[in-house]
Amino acid sequence: MPEQRYGFVLGTGRCGSTLLHELLARHPDVGFVTNIDDRIGSGPAGRMQAGIYRRLPTAATRKGRVRLAPSEAYRALEREVSPLISEPVRDLEASDAVPWLAERFRRFFDERATAQGAPLFLHKFTGWPRARFVDRVLPSSRYVHVVRDGRAVAASWLQTDWWRGHLGPEGWHFGPLPPAYDKEWEASGRSFVLLAGLAWKLLLDAFAEARREIGEERWLEVRYEDILEDPRGWTAAVLEFLGLAWTDAFESGFRAFRFDAGRAGAWRQSLGADAAAELDASLADHLARRGYDV
């Protein structure tokens, strides 16, 4: 029996990773945790749920309505593994995979992968990458990191009801700022817009470190904007990286998805000129490294 393969879609949140995750989950060779499993713990029934998801029209699986869809499964991970996985105050590293935690994490995924019987079991994490921890527990996993313009991410975070940046670094999701970023925030007069941008930089730094440790062979970085501009080309590249073929069944699911590249610069209007300029200045180096114009 071939060894179970695992893939992880990673991103900061509000970065387009959900689009890619839900698209890849339409592939008949992909297993995943569903939102039903997340809420009520129906792990063994995942194979049936995955099959139903692939048969549903995309209109029936969009966010904002009662739906069946792939899930990051933080409720289930808290129940069956630990809140350390779902809401860590810093990135998880290989050294965090102590035996009791590693065993629970491995069992969470192995049981679901076995029940679904798919060649590739795919999961998504947003926020901290957690990739070094994952790689210690599930070695040989592959990682697709979805990057989006940090100014768009910051603008989107500020408009969500779960973003806790209004509490400052003392009460938000990511722990204390590194000294250089903390100095930048204080110099801005504690701008909340800037703080959202600093969070993006903080996470991108963690992703860069994880990528260095895991290596280029098992790490693929894709820009959300590029996926929207060339969805077929970039989806094919991701499938190849994950060892999946573009089948007729996947083609049917792919054609049902809509890709809208028309609102790439909408973040400027939502923030206004002054705040946009503040982010331009702060994020310039991180943006330029990933090919974004400033």
C-alpha atoms as a PDB file:
ATOM      1  CA  MET A   1       0.000   0.000   0.000  1.00  0.00           C
ATOM      2  CA  PRO A   2       1.519   3.385  -0.996  1.00  0.00           C
ATOM      3  CA  GLU A   3       2.440   5.786   1.781  1.00  0.00           C
ATOM      4  CA  GLN A   4      -0.154   8.458   2.526  1.00  0.00           C
ATOM      5  CA  ARG A   5       0.761  11.839   1.037  1.00  0.00           C
ATOM      6  CA  TYR A   6      -0.078  15.150   2.704  1.00  0.00           C
ATOM      7  CA  GLY A   7      -0.268  18.648   1.290  1.00  0.00           C
ATOM      8  CA  PHE A   8      -0.881  21.936   3.085  1.00  0.00           C
ATOM      9  CA  VAL A   9      -2.170  25.212   1.658  1.00  0.00           C
ATOM     10  CA  LEU A  10      -0.802  28.043   3.799  1.00  0.00           C
ATOM     11  CA  GLY A  11      -1.435  31.775   3.953  1.00  0.00           C
ATOM     12  CA  THR A  12      -1.797  34.776   6.211  1.00  0.00           C
ATOM     13  CA  GLY A  13      -5.594  34.829   6.048  1.00  0.00           C
ATOM     14  CA  ARG A  14      -7.575  37.066   3.658  1.00  0.00           C
ATOM     15  CA  CYS A  15      -4.972  36.089   1.060  1.00  0.00           C
ATOM     16  CA  GLY A  16      -6.912  33.894  -1.378  1.00  0.00           C
ATOM     17  CA  SER A  17      -5.907  30.576   0.168  1.00  0.00           C
ATOM     18  CA  THR A  18      -9.573  29.560   0.590  1.00  0.00           C
ATOM     19  CA  LEU A  19     -10.170  29.873  -3.152  1.00  0.00           C
ATOM     20  CA  LEU A  20      -7.220  27.614  -3.948  1.00  0.00           C
ATOM     21  CA  HIS A  21      -8.036  25.124  -1.182  1.00  0.00           C
ATOM     22  CA  GLU A  22     -11.657  24.751  -2.236  1.00  0.00           C
ATOM     23  CA  LEU A  23     -10.660  24.462  -5.892  1.00  0.00           C
ATOM     24  CA  LEU A  24      -8.110  21.709  -5.200  1.00  0.00           C
ATOM     25  CA  ALA A  25     -10.647  19.889  -3.018  1.00  0.00           C
ATOM     26  CA  ARG A  26     -12.734  19.370  -6.189  1.00  0.00           C
ATOM     27  CA  HIS A  27     -10.071  16.902  -7.354  1.00  0.00           C
ATOM     28  CA  PRO A  28     -11.216  13.277  -6.956  1.00  0.00           C
ATOM     29  CA  ASP A  29      -7.805  12.252  -5.552  1.00  0.00           C
ATOM     30  CA  VAL A  30      -7.900  14.790  -2.703  1.00  0.00           C
ATOM     31  CA  GLY A  31      -9.200  14.205   0.808  1.00  0.00           C
ATOM     32  CA  PHE A  32      -9.870  16.964   3.331  1.00  0.00           C
ATOM     33  CA  VAL A  33     -11.551  17.860   6.625  1.00  0.00           C
ATOM     34  CA  THR A  34     -15.063  19.236   6.109  1.00  0.00           C
ATOM     35  CA  ASN A  35     -16.802  21.981   8.046  1.00  0.00           C
ATOM     36  CA  ILE A  36     -19.304  19.374   9.278  1.00  0.00           C
ATOM     37  CA  ASP A  37     -16.467  17.339  10.744  1.00  0.00           C
ATOM     38  CA  ASP A  38     -15.126  20.542  12.282  1.00  0.00           C
ATOM     39  CA  ARG A  39     -18.417  21.312  14.016  1.00  0.00           C
ATOM     40  CA  ILE A  40     -19.685  17.904  15.104  1.00  0.00           C
ATOM     41  CA  GLY A  41     -16.710  15.569  14.767  1.00  0.00           C
ATOM     42  CA  SER A  42     -17.845  13.234  11.984  1.00  0.00           C
ATOM     43  CA  GLY A  43     -14.350  12.236  10.845  1.00  0.00           C
ATOM     44  CA  PRO A  44     -15.154   8.717   9.511  1.00  0.00           C
ATOM     45  CA  ALA A  45     -17.931  10.154   7.333  1.00  0.00           C
ATOM     46  CA  GLY A  46     -15.497  12.466   5.580  1.00  0.00           C
ATOM     47  CA  ARG A  47     -15.287  10.355   2.427  1.00  0.00           C
ATOM     48  CA  MET A  48     -19.024  10.674   1.824  1.00  0.00           C
ATOM     49  CA  GLN A  49     -18.945  14.402   2.618  1.00  0.00           C
ATOM     50  CA  ALA A  50     -16.019  14.969   0.232  1.00  0.00           C
ATOM     51  CA  GLY A  51     -17.895  13.186  -2.531  1.00  0.00           C
ATOM     52  CA  ILE A  52     -21.001  15.289  -1.953  1.00  0.00           C
ATOM     53  CA  TYR A  53     -18.907  18.492  -2.002  1.00  0.00           C
ATOM     54  CA  ARG A  54     -17.478  17.619  -5.397  1.00  0.00           C
ATOM     55  CA  ARG A  55     -20.969  17.107  -6.815  1.00  0.00           C
ATOM     56  CA  LEU A  56     -22.417  20.349  -5.472  1.00  0.00           C
ATOM     57  CA  PRO A  57     -22.447  23.468  -7.690  1.00  0.00           C
ATOM     58  CA  THR A  58     -20.028  26.148  -6.507  1.00  0.00           C
ATOM     59  CA  ALA A  59     -22.948  28.495  -5.793  1.00  0.00           C
ATOM     60  CA  ALA A  60     -24.056  26.091  -3.053  1.00  0.00           C
ATOM     61  CA  THR A  61     -20.645  26.031  -1.359  1.00  0.00           C
ATOM     62  CA  ARG A  62     -19.765  29.737  -1.197  1.00  0.00           C
ATOM     63  CA  LYS A  63     -19.083  31.484   2.086  1.00  0.00           C
ATOM     64  CA  GLY A  64     -21.904  33.433   3.704  1.00  0.00           C
ATOM     65  CA  ARG A  65     -24.515  30.694   3.565  1.00  0.00           C
ATOM     66  CA  VAL A  66     -25.219  27.243   4.999  1.00  0.00           C
ATOM     67  CA  ARG A  67     -22.830  25.060   3.069  1.00  0.00           C
ATOM     68  CA  LEU A  68     -20.627  21.976   2.902  1.00  0.00           C
ATOM     69  CA  ALA A  69     -16.976  22.852   2.278  1.00  0.00           C
ATOM     70  CA  PRO A  70     -13.363  22.120   3.223  1.00  0.00           C
ATOM     71  CA  SER A  71     -12.387  23.537   6.605  1.00  0.00           C
ATOM     72  CA  GLU A  72      -9.299  24.606   8.523  1.00  0.00           C
ATOM     73  CA  ALA A  73     -10.960  22.625  11.328  1.00  0.00           C
ATOM     74  CA  TYR A  74      -9.775  24.674  14.287  1.00  0.00           C
ATOM     75  CA  ARG A  75     -12.695  23.520  16.459  1.00  0.00           C
ATOM     76  CA  ALA A  76     -11.901  19.879  15.729  1.00  0.00           C
ATOM     77  CA  LEU A  77      -8.185  20.447  16.263  1.00  0.00           C
ATOM     78  CA  GLU A  78      -8.889  22.051  19.640  1.00  0.00           C
ATOM     79  CA  ARG A  79     -11.124  19.125  20.641  1.00  0.00           C
ATOM     80  CA  GLU A  80      -8.890  16.326  19.444  1.00  0.00           C
ATOM     81  CA  VAL A  81      -5.378  17.796  19.517  1.00  0.00           C
ATOM     82  CA  SER A  82      -4.821  21.076  21.398  1.00  0.00           C
ATOM     83  CA  PRO A  83      -5.441  24.844  21.238  1.00  0.00           C
ATOM     84  CA  LEU A  84      -1.682  25.034  20.677  1.00  0.00           C
ATOM     85  CA  ILE A  85      -2.425  24.133  17.051  1.00  0.00           C
ATOM     86  CA  SER A  86      -5.419  26.370  16.496  1.00  0.00           C
ATOM     87  CA  GLU A  87      -4.316  29.602  18.152  1.00  0.00           C
ATOM     88  CA  PRO A  88      -0.586  29.764  18.963  1.00  0.00           C
ATOM     89  CA  VAL A  89       0.853  33.111  20.015  1.00  0.00           C
ATOM     90  CA  ARG A  90       3.903  32.477  17.802  1.00  0.00           C
ATOM     91  CA  ASP A  91       4.772  30.173  14.932  1.00  0.00           C
ATOM     92  CA  LEU A  92       5.059  26.499  15.783  1.00  0.00           C
ATOM     93  CA  GLU A  93       8.499  25.015  15.250  1.00  0.00           C
ATOM     94  CA  ALA A  94       9.847  21.481  15.023  1.00  0.00           C
ATOM     95  CA  SER A  95      10.824  21.575  18.701  1.00  0.00           C
ATOM     96  CA  ASP A  96       7.155  22.070  19.632  1.00  0.00           C
ATOM     97  CA  ALA A  97       6.348  18.568  18.364  1.00  0.00           C
ATOM     98  CA  VAL A  98       6.755  16.909  21.754  1.00  0.00           C
ATOM     99  CA  PRO A  99       5.555  13.275  21.804  1.00  0.00           C
ATOM    100  CA  TRP A 100       2.036  13.744  23.235  1.00  0.00           C
ATOM    101  CA  LEU A 101       1.222  16.625  20.869  1.00  0.00           C
ATOM    102  CA  ALA A 102       2.817  15.007  17.833  1.00  0.00           C
ATOM    103  CA  GLU A 103       0.887  11.777  18.401  1.00  0.00           C
ATOM    104  CA  ARG A 104      -2.462  13.546  18.679  1.00  0.00           C
ATOM    105  CA  PHE A 105      -1.741  15.636  15.577  1.00  0.00           C
ATOM    106  CA  ARG A 106      -0.613  12.611  13.551  1.00  0.00           C
ATOM    107  CA  ARG A 107      -3.647  10.603  14.616  1.00  0.00           C
ATOM    108  CA  PHE A 108      -6.016  13.465  13.688  1.00  0.00           C
ATOM    109  CA  PHE A 109      -4.814  13.426  10.079  1.00  0.00           C
ATOM    110  CA  ASP A 110      -3.984   9.732   9.669  1.00  0.00           C
ATOM    111  CA  GLU A 111      -7.440   8.598  10.786  1.00  0.00           C
ATOM    112  CA  ARG A 112      -9.179  10.954   8.374  1.00  0.00           C
ATOM    113  CA  ALA A 113      -6.830  10.186   5.515  1.00  0.00           C
ATOM    114  CA  THR A 114      -7.341   6.443   6.003  1.00  0.00           C
ATOM    115  CA  ALA A 115     -11.125   6.834   6.158  1.00  0.00           C
ATOM    116  CA  GLN A 116     -11.229   8.843   2.942  1.00  0.00           C
ATOM    117  CA  GLY A 117      -8.705   6.727   1.054  1.00  0.00           C
ATOM    118  CA  ALA A 118      -7.565   9.571  -1.219  1.00  0.00           C
ATOM    119  CA  PRO A 119      -3.965   9.558  -2.494  1.00  0.00           C
ATOM    120  CA  LEU A 120      -3.435  13.105  -1.185  1.00  0.00           C
ATOM    121  CA  PHE A 121      -4.910  14.520   2.003  1.00  0.00           C
ATOM    122  CA  LEU A 122      -4.970  18.323   1.809  1.00  0.00           C
ATOM    123  CA  HIS A 123      -5.367  20.787   4.654  1.00  0.00           C
ATOM    124  CA  LYS A 124      -5.224  24.564   5.008  1.00  0.00           C
ATOM    125  CA  PHE A 125      -3.743  26.691   7.763  1.00  0.00           C
ATOM    126  CA  THR A 126      -3.854  30.488   7.925  1.00  0.00           C
ATOM    127  CA  GLY A 127      -2.037  32.853  10.234  1.00  0.00           C
ATOM    128  CA  TRP A 128       1.245  31.329  11.379  1.00  0.00           C
ATOM    129  CA  PRO A 129       2.563  28.787   8.857  1.00  0.00           C
ATOM    130  CA  ARG A 130       3.095  25.992  11.429  1.00  0.00           C
ATOM    131  CA  ALA A 131       5.000  24.240   8.644  1.00  0.00           C
ATOM    132  CA  ARG A 132       8.088  23.296  10.645  1.00  0.00           C
ATOM    133  CA  PHE A 133       5.903  21.640  13.270  1.00  0.00           C
ATOM    134  CA  VAL A 134       3.865  19.852  10.604  1.00  0.00           C
ATOM    135  CA  ASP A 135       7.001  18.676   8.857  1.00  0.00           C
ATOM    136  CA  ARG A 136       8.378  17.114  12.018  1.00  0.00           C
ATOM    137  CA  VAL A 137       5.144  15.153  12.548  1.00  0.00           C
ATOM    138  CA  LEU A 138       4.224  14.440   8.907  1.00  0.00           C
ATOM    139  CA  PRO A 139       7.572  14.401   7.079  1.00  0.00           C
ATOM    140  CA  SER A 140       7.695  14.708   3.288  1.00  0.00           C
ATOM    141  CA  SER A 141       4.544  16.887   3.251  1.00  0.00           C
ATOM    142  CA  ARG A 142       4.349  19.534   0.537  1.00  0.00           C
ATOM    143  CA  TYR A 143       3.439  23.168   1.145  1.00  0.00           C
ATOM    144  CA  VAL A 144       1.705  25.675  -1.138  1.00  0.00           C
ATOM    145  CA  HIS A 145       2.071  29.192   0.259  1.00  0.00           C
ATOM    146  CA  VAL A 146      -0.451  31.685  -1.140  1.00  0.00           C
ATOM    147  CA  VAL A 147       0.811  35.283  -0.941  1.00  0.00           C
ATOM    148  CA  ARG A 148      -1.325  38.363  -1.487  1.00  0.00           C
ATOM    149  CA  ASP A 149      -0.341  42.028  -1.582  1.00  0.00           C
ATOM    150  CA  GLY A 150       0.097  42.915   2.106  1.00  0.00           C
ATOM    151  CA  ARG A 151      -1.746  46.208   1.703  1.00  0.00           C
ATOM    152  CA  ALA A 152      -4.845  44.374   0.483  1.00  0.00           C
ATOM    153  CA  VAL A 153      -4.517  41.863   3.324  1.00  0.00           C
ATOM    154  CA  ALA A 154      -4.202  44.632   5.922  1.00  0.00           C
ATOM    155  CA  ALA A 155      -7.203  46.503   4.541  1.00  0.00           C
ATOM    156  CA  SER A 156      -9.278  43.316   4.580  1.00  0.00           C
ATOM    157  CA  TRP A 157      -8.242  42.349   8.129  1.00  0.00           C
ATOM    158  CA  LEU A 158      -9.319  45.739   9.450  1.00  0.00           C
ATOM    159  CA  GLN A 159     -12.849  45.159   8.141  1.00  0.00           C
ATOM    160  CA  THR A 160     -13.409  41.703   9.652  1.00  0.00           C
ATOM    161  CA  ASP A 161     -15.132  40.991  12.957  1.00  0.00           C
ATOM    162  CA  TRP A 162     -12.441  38.539  14.115  1.00  0.00           C
ATOM    163  CA  TRP A 163      -9.388  40.785  13.694  1.00  0.00           C
ATOM    164  CA  ARG A 164      -8.136  41.667  17.190  1.00  0.00           C
ATOM    165  CA  GLY A 165      -5.587  44.288  16.213  1.00  0.00           C
ATOM    166  CA  HIS A 166      -7.746  46.927  17.901  1.00  0.00           C
ATOM    167  CA  LEU A 167      -6.450  45.463  21.187  1.00  0.00           C
ATOM    168  CA  GLY A 168      -2.855  46.105  20.180  1.00  0.00           C
ATOM    169  CA  PRO A 169      -0.002  43.564  20.391  1.00  0.00           C
ATOM    170  CA  GLU A 170      -0.904  42.942  24.031  1.00  0.00           C
ATOM    171  CA  GLY A 171      -4.232  41.386  23.085  1.00  0.00           C
ATOM    172  CA  TRP A 172      -4.132  40.316  19.468  1.00  0.00           C
ATOM    173  CA  HIS A 173      -3.362  37.035  17.673  1.00  0.00           C
ATOM    174  CA  PHE A 174       0.393  37.219  17.194  1.00  0.00           C
ATOM    175  CA  GLY A 175       2.168  37.998  20.455  1.00  0.00           C
ATOM    176  CA  PRO A 176       4.644  40.858  20.960  1.00  0.00           C
ATOM    177  CA  LEU A 177       6.111  42.675  17.998  1.00  0.00           C
ATOM    178  CA  PRO A 178       9.831  42.313  17.297  1.00  0.00           C
ATOM    179  CA  PRO A 179      11.715  45.419  18.537  1.00  0.00           C
ATOM    180  CA  ALA A 180      12.081  46.984  15.081  1.00  0.00           C
ATOM    181  CA  TYR A 181       8.395  46.576  14.273  1.00  0.00           C
ATOM    182  CA  ASP A 182       7.357  47.765  17.733  1.00  0.00           C
ATOM    183  CA  LYS A 183       9.454  50.907  17.264  1.00  0.00           C
ATOM    184  CA  GLU A 184       7.808  51.488  13.882  1.00  0.00           C
ATOM    185  CA  TRP A 185       4.322  51.147  15.399  1.00  0.00           C
ATOM    186  CA  GLU A 186       5.095  53.549  18.257  1.00  0.00           C
ATOM    187  CA  ALA A 187       6.571  56.077  15.803  1.00  0.00           C
ATOM    188  CA  SER A 188       3.325  55.989  13.796  1.00  0.00           C
ATOM    189  CA  GLY A 189       1.313  57.044  16.833  1.00  0.00           C
ATOM    190  CA  ARG A 190       0.056  53.462  17.169  1.00  0.00           C
ATOM    191  CA  SER A 191      -1.721  53.472  13.828  1.00  0.00           C
ATOM    192  CA  PHE A 192      -4.089  50.513  13.523  1.00  0.00           C
ATOM    193  CA  VAL A 193      -3.648  50.480   9.759  1.00  0.00           C
ATOM    194  CA  LEU A 194       0.095  50.232  10.176  1.00  0.00           C
ATOM    195  CA  LEU A 195      -0.307  47.522  12.816  1.00  0.00           C
ATOM    196  CA  ALA A 196      -2.211  45.383  10.312  1.00  0.00           C
ATOM    197  CA  GLY A 197       0.623  45.886   7.846  1.00  0.00           C
ATOM    198  CA  LEU A 198       3.186  44.948  10.498  1.00  0.00           C
ATOM    199  CA  ALA A 199       1.253  41.745  11.194  1.00  0.00           C
ATOM    200  CA  TRP A 200       1.539  40.840   7.520  1.00  0.00           C
ATOM    201  CA  LYS A 201       5.291  41.453   7.637  1.00  0.00           C
ATOM    202  CA  LEU A 202       5.601  39.432  10.847  1.00  0.00           C
ATOM    203  CA  LEU A 203       3.851  36.455   9.251  1.00  0.00           C
ATOM    204  CA  LEU A 204       5.786  36.736   5.990  1.00  0.00           C
ATOM    205  CA  ASP A 205       9.018  36.635   8.006  1.00  0.00           C
ATOM    206  CA  ALA A 206       7.823  33.378   9.598  1.00  0.00           C
ATOM    207  CA  PHE A 207       6.923  31.935   6.193  1.00  0.00           C
ATOM    208  CA  ALA A 208      10.367  32.827   4.842  1.00  0.00           C
ATOM    209  CA  GLU A 209      12.062  31.068   7.767  1.00  0.00           C
ATOM    210  CA  ALA A 210       9.897  27.963   7.345  1.00  0.00           C
ATOM    211  CA  ARG A 211      10.674  27.886   3.629  1.00  0.00           C
ATOM    212  CA  ARG A 212      14.412  28.051   4.298  1.00  0.00           C
ATOM    213  CA  GLU A 213      14.263  25.136   6.728  1.00  0.00           C
ATOM    214  CA  ILE A 214      11.967  22.911   4.659  1.00  0.00           C
ATOM    215  CA  GLY A 215      13.648  23.602   1.319  1.00  0.00           C
ATOM    216  CA  GLU A 216      12.553  24.666  -2.139  1.00  0.00           C
ATOM    217  CA  GLU A 217      11.763  21.160  -3.362  1.00  0.00           C
ATOM    218  CA  ARG A 218       8.696  20.837  -1.129  1.00  0.00           C
ATOM    219  CA  TRP A 219       7.655  24.501  -0.995  1.00  0.00           C
ATOM    220  CA  LEU A 220       5.752  26.370  -3.697  1.00  0.00           C
ATOM    221  CA  GLU A 221       4.946  30.062  -3.313  1.00  0.00           C
ATOM    222  CA  VAL A 222       2.174  31.447  -5.528  1.00  0.00           C
ATOM    223  CA  ARG A 223       0.744  34.943  -5.650  1.00  0.00           C
ATOM    224  CA  TYR A 224      -3.024  35.254  -5.382  1.00  0.00           C
ATOM    225  CA  GLU A 225      -2.995  37.974  -8.027  1.00  0.00           C
ATOM    226  CA  ASP A 226      -1.217  35.640 -10.462  1.00  0.00           C
ATOM    227  CA  ILE A 227      -3.808  32.920  -9.879  1.00  0.00           C
ATOM    228  CA  LEU A 228      -6.561  35.401 -10.758  1.00  0.00           C
ATOM    229  CA  GLU A 229      -4.735  36.520 -13.912  1.00  0.00           C
ATOM    230  CA  ASP A 230      -3.924  32.992 -15.145  1.00  0.00           C
ATOM    231  CA  PRO A 231      -6.052  30.529 -13.178  1.00  0.00           C
ATOM    232  CA  ARG A 232      -5.557  27.593 -15.512  1.00  0.00           C
ATOM    233  CA  GLY A 233      -1.789  27.959 -15.743  1.00  0.00           C
ATOM    234  CA  TRP A 234      -1.197  28.399 -12.012  1.00  0.00           C
ATOM    235  CA  THR A 235      -3.675  25.693 -11.022  1.00  0.00           C
ATOM    236  CA  ALA A 236      -1.841  23.292 -13.333  1.00  0.00           C
ATOM    237  CA  ALA A 237       1.449  24.230 -11.674  1.00  0.00           C
ATOM    238  CA  VAL A 238       0.028  23.574  -8.206  1.00  0.00           C
ATOM    239  CA  LEU A 239      -1.451  20.232  -9.264  1.00  0.00           C
ATOM    240  CA  GLU A 240       1.892  19.143 -10.701  1.00  0.00           C
ATOM    241  CA  PHE A 241       3.691  20.209  -7.529  1.00  0.00           C
ATOM    242  CA  LEU A 242       1.260  18.122  -5.449  1.00  0.00           C
ATOM    243  CA  GLY A 243       1.565  15.111  -7.751  1.00  0.00           C
ATOM    244  CA  LEU A 244      -1.976  15.342  -9.106  1.00  0.00           C
ATOM    245  CA  ALA A 245      -3.117  14.967 -12.717  1.00  0.00           C
ATOM    246  CA  TRP A 246      -5.578  17.316 -14.402  1.00  0.00           C
ATOM    247  CA  THR A 247      -8.432  14.852 -14.903  1.00  0.00           C
ATOM    248  CA  ASP A 248     -11.737  15.248 -16.718  1.00  0.00           C
ATOM    249  CA  ALA A 249     -13.485  15.228 -13.347  1.00  0.00           C
ATOM    250  CA  PHE A 250     -11.286  18.053 -12.084  1.00  0.00           C
ATOM    251  CA  GLU A 251     -11.821  19.991 -15.308  1.00  0.00           C
ATOM    252  CA  SER A 252     -15.543  19.983 -14.617  1.00  0.00           C
ATOM    253  CA  GLY A 253     -14.974  21.408 -11.132  1.00  0.00           C
ATOM    254  CA  PHE A 254     -12.447  23.957 -12.370  1.00  0.00           C
ATOM    255  CA  ARG A 255     -14.803  25.375 -14.972  1.00  0.00           C
ATOM    256  CA  ALA A 256     -17.394  26.065 -12.287  1.00  0.00           C
ATOM    257  CA  PHE A 257     -15.075  28.450 -10.406  1.00  0.00           C
ATOM    258  CA  ARG A 258     -15.031  32.187 -11.072  1.00  0.00           C
ATOM    259  CA  PHE A 259     -11.802  34.205 -10.923  1.00  0.00           C
ATOM    260  CA  ASP A 260     -12.151  37.982 -10.672  1.00  0.00           C
ATOM    261  CA  ALA A 261      -8.965  40.017 -11.043  1.00  0.00           C
ATOM    262  CA  GLY A 262     -10.822  43.312 -11.305  1.00  0.00           C
ATOM    263  CA  ARG A 263     -10.568  44.483  -7.669  1.00  0.00           C
ATOM    264  CA  ALA A 264      -6.833  44.084  -7.098  1.00  0.00           C
ATOM    265  CA  GLY A 265      -6.380  47.761  -6.158  1.00  0.00           C
ATOM    266  CA  ALA A 266      -9.611  48.262  -4.206  1.00  0.00           C
ATOM    267  CA  TRP A 267      -7.696  48.441  -0.927  1.00  0.00           C
ATOM    268  CA  ARG A 268      -6.533  51.994  -1.752  1.00  0.00           C
ATOM    269  CA  GLN A 269     -10.091  53.289  -1.869  1.00  0.00           C
ATOM    270  CA  SER A 270     -11.026  51.551   1.393  1.00  0.00           C
ATOM    271  CA  LEU A 271      -8.047  53.013   3.279  1.00  0.00           C
ATOM    272  CA  GLY A 272      -7.688  56.470   1.766  1.00  0.00           C
ATOM    273  CA  ALA A 273      -4.546  58.172   0.491  1.00  0.00           C
ATOM    274  CA  ASP A 274      -2.757  58.814   3.791  1.00  0.00           C
ATOM    275  CA  ALA A 275      -3.143  55.321   5.205  1.00  0.00           C
ATOM    276  CA  ALA A 276      -2.289  53.776   1.843  1.00  0.00           C
ATOM    277  CA  ALA A 277       0.927  55.799   1.722  1.00  0.00           C
ATOM    278  CA  GLU A 278       1.745  54.659   5.265  1.00  0.00           C
ATOM    279  CA  LEU A 279       1.499  51.024   4.170  1.00  0.00           C
ATOM    280  CA  ASP A 280       3.428  51.677   0.960  1.00  0.00           C
ATOM    281  CA  ALA A 281       6.363  52.961   2.997  1.00  0.00           C
ATOM    282  CA  SER A 282       6.306  50.284   5.691  1.00  0.00           C
ATOM    283  CA  LEU A 283       5.800  47.250   3.466  1.00  0.00           C
ATOM    284  CA  ALA A 284       8.000  48.339   0.555  1.00  0.00           C
ATOM    285  CA  ASP A 285      10.841  45.853   1.026  1.00  0.00           C
ATOM    286  CA  HIS A 286       8.589  42.861   1.687  1.00  0.00           C
ATOM    287  CA  LEU A 287       6.389  43.766  -1.296  1.00  0.00           C
ATOM    288  CA  ALA A 288       9.304  44.268  -3.676  1.00  0.00           C
ATOM    289  CA  ARG A 289      10.775  40.860  -2.825  1.00  0.00           C
ATOM    290  CA  ARG A 290       7.569  39.287  -4.095  1.00  0.00           C
ATOM    291  CA  GLY A 291       7.255  41.399  -7.212  1.00  0.00           C
ATOM    292  CA  TYR A 292       4.619  43.898  -6.089  1.00  0.00           C
ATOM    293  CA  ASP A 293       4.733  47.507  -7.251  1.00  0.00           C
ATOM    294  CA  VAL A 294       5.050  50.216  -4.623  1.00  0.00           C
END
